Amino acid sequence: MLQNIGVPGLILVLVIALIIFGPSKLPEIGRAFGTTLKEFKKSTRELVSDEEKKSEKDQIN
């Protein structure tokens, strides 16, 4: 779905966000989104790593 947005759609979303939240809240929202994304990626990497370790352990036994 996000592949079909394009530049005009992205600009429209940013303008709407600016109207709704105002210029003072946007950096705070961006920071919170970045932190959330960072935590999500970290958790995903840990899950994949745990699965790989488990499969390696199962192959040894």
C-alpha atoms as a PDB file:
ATOM      1  CA  MET A   1       0.000   0.000   0.000  1.00  0.00           C
ATOM      2  CA  LEU A   2       2.761   2.461   0.876  1.00  0.00           C
ATOM      3  CA  GLN A   3       4.408   1.824  -2.484  1.00  0.00           C
ATOM      4  CA  ASN A   4       1.527   3.528  -4.280  1.00  0.00           C
ATOM      5  CA  ILE A   5       1.555   6.814  -2.340  1.00  0.00           C
ATOM      6  CA  GLY A   6       4.121   8.686  -4.416  1.00  0.00           C
ATOM      7  CA  VAL A   7       5.442  12.188  -3.840  1.00  0.00           C
ATOM      8  CA  PRO A   8       2.118  14.085  -4.159  1.00  0.00           C
ATOM      9  CA  GLY A   9       0.437  11.746  -1.687  1.00  0.00           C
ATOM     10  CA  LEU A  10       3.326  12.078   0.750  1.00  0.00           C
ATOM     11  CA  ILE A  11       3.158  15.869   0.550  1.00  0.00           C
ATOM     12  CA  LEU A  12      -0.594  15.726   1.172  1.00  0.00           C
ATOM     13  CA  VAL A  13      -0.110  13.531   4.260  1.00  0.00           C
ATOM     14  CA  LEU A  14       2.554  15.907   5.629  1.00  0.00           C
ATOM     15  CA  VAL A  15       0.339  18.963   5.068  1.00  0.00           C
ATOM     16  CA  ILE A  16      -2.593  17.280   6.820  1.00  0.00           C
ATOM     17  CA  ALA A  17      -0.340  16.281   9.741  1.00  0.00           C
ATOM     18  CA  LEU A  18       0.921  19.866   9.959  1.00  0.00           C
ATOM     19  CA  ILE A  19      -2.648  21.195  10.039  1.00  0.00           C
ATOM     20  CA  ILE A  20      -3.834  18.675  12.641  1.00  0.00           C
ATOM     21  CA  PHE A  21      -0.871  18.684  15.035  1.00  0.00           C
ATOM     22  CA  GLY A  22       0.724  22.061  14.369  1.00  0.00           C
ATOM     23  CA  PRO A  23       4.396  22.843  13.842  1.00  0.00           C
ATOM     24  CA  SER A  24       5.317  22.621  17.525  1.00  0.00           C
ATOM     25  CA  LYS A  25       4.153  18.998  17.943  1.00  0.00           C
ATOM     26  CA  LEU A  26       5.588  17.508  14.734  1.00  0.00           C
ATOM     27  CA  PRO A  27       9.197  17.104  15.992  1.00  0.00           C
ATOM     28  CA  GLU A  28       7.914  15.429  19.149  1.00  0.00           C
ATOM     29  CA  ILE A  29       5.706  13.060  17.148  1.00  0.00           C
ATOM     30  CA  GLY A  30       8.582  12.290  14.769  1.00  0.00           C
ATOM     31  CA  ARG A  31      10.896  11.521  17.672  1.00  0.00           C
ATOM     32  CA  ALA A  32       8.327   9.205  19.258  1.00  0.00           C
ATOM     33  CA  PHE A  33       7.756   7.436  15.942  1.00  0.00           C
ATOM     34  CA  GLY A  34      11.507   6.979  15.444  1.00  0.00           C
ATOM     35  CA  THR A  35      11.934   5.547  18.932  1.00  0.00           C
ATOM     36  CA  THR A  36       9.038   3.157  18.397  1.00  0.00           C
ATOM     37  CA  LEU A  37      10.442   2.025  15.054  1.00  0.00           C
ATOM     38  CA  LYS A  38      13.888   1.502  16.613  1.00  0.00           C
ATOM     39  CA  GLU A  39      12.417  -0.667  19.393  1.00  0.00           C
ATOM     40  CA  PHE A  40      10.377  -2.668  16.868  1.00  0.00           C
ATOM     41  CA  LYS A  41      13.438  -3.381  14.719  1.00  0.00           C
ATOM     42  CA  LYS A  42      15.449  -4.386  17.801  1.00  0.00           C
ATOM     43  CA  SER A  43      12.738  -6.806  18.933  1.00  0.00           C
ATOM     44  CA  THR A  44      12.469  -8.266  15.442  1.00  0.00           C
ATOM     45  CA  ARG A  45      16.226  -8.849  15.266  1.00  0.00           C
ATOM     46  CA  GLU A  46      16.168 -10.543  18.675  1.00  0.00           C
ATOM     47  CA  LEU A  47      13.313 -12.844  17.638  1.00  0.00           C
ATOM     48  CA  VAL A  48      15.092 -13.839  14.423  1.00  0.00           C
ATOM     49  CA  SER A  49      18.331 -14.405  16.318  1.00  0.00           C
ATOM     50  CA  ASP A  50      16.565 -16.580  18.904  1.00  0.00           C
ATOM     51  CA  GLU A  51      14.923 -18.641  16.152  1.00  0.00           C
ATOM     52  CA  GLU A  52      18.279 -19.172  14.418  1.00  0.00           C
ATOM     53  CA  LYS A  53      19.907 -20.275  17.673  1.00  0.00           C
ATOM     54  CA  LYS A  54      17.012 -22.638  18.360  1.00  0.00           C
ATOM     55  CA  SER A  55      17.208 -24.205  14.891  1.00  0.00           C
ATOM     56  CA  GLU A  56      21.001 -24.614  15.200  1.00  0.00           C
ATOM     57  CA  LYS A  57      20.528 -26.284  18.592  1.00  0.00           C
ATOM     58  CA  ASP A  58      17.883 -28.619  17.147  1.00  0.00           C
ATOM     59  CA  GLN A  59      20.212 -29.602  14.281  1.00  0.00           C
ATOM     60  CA  ILE A  60      23.000 -30.504  16.700  1.00  0.00           C
ATOM     61  CA  ASN A  61      20.734 -32.775  18.744  1.00  0.00           C
END
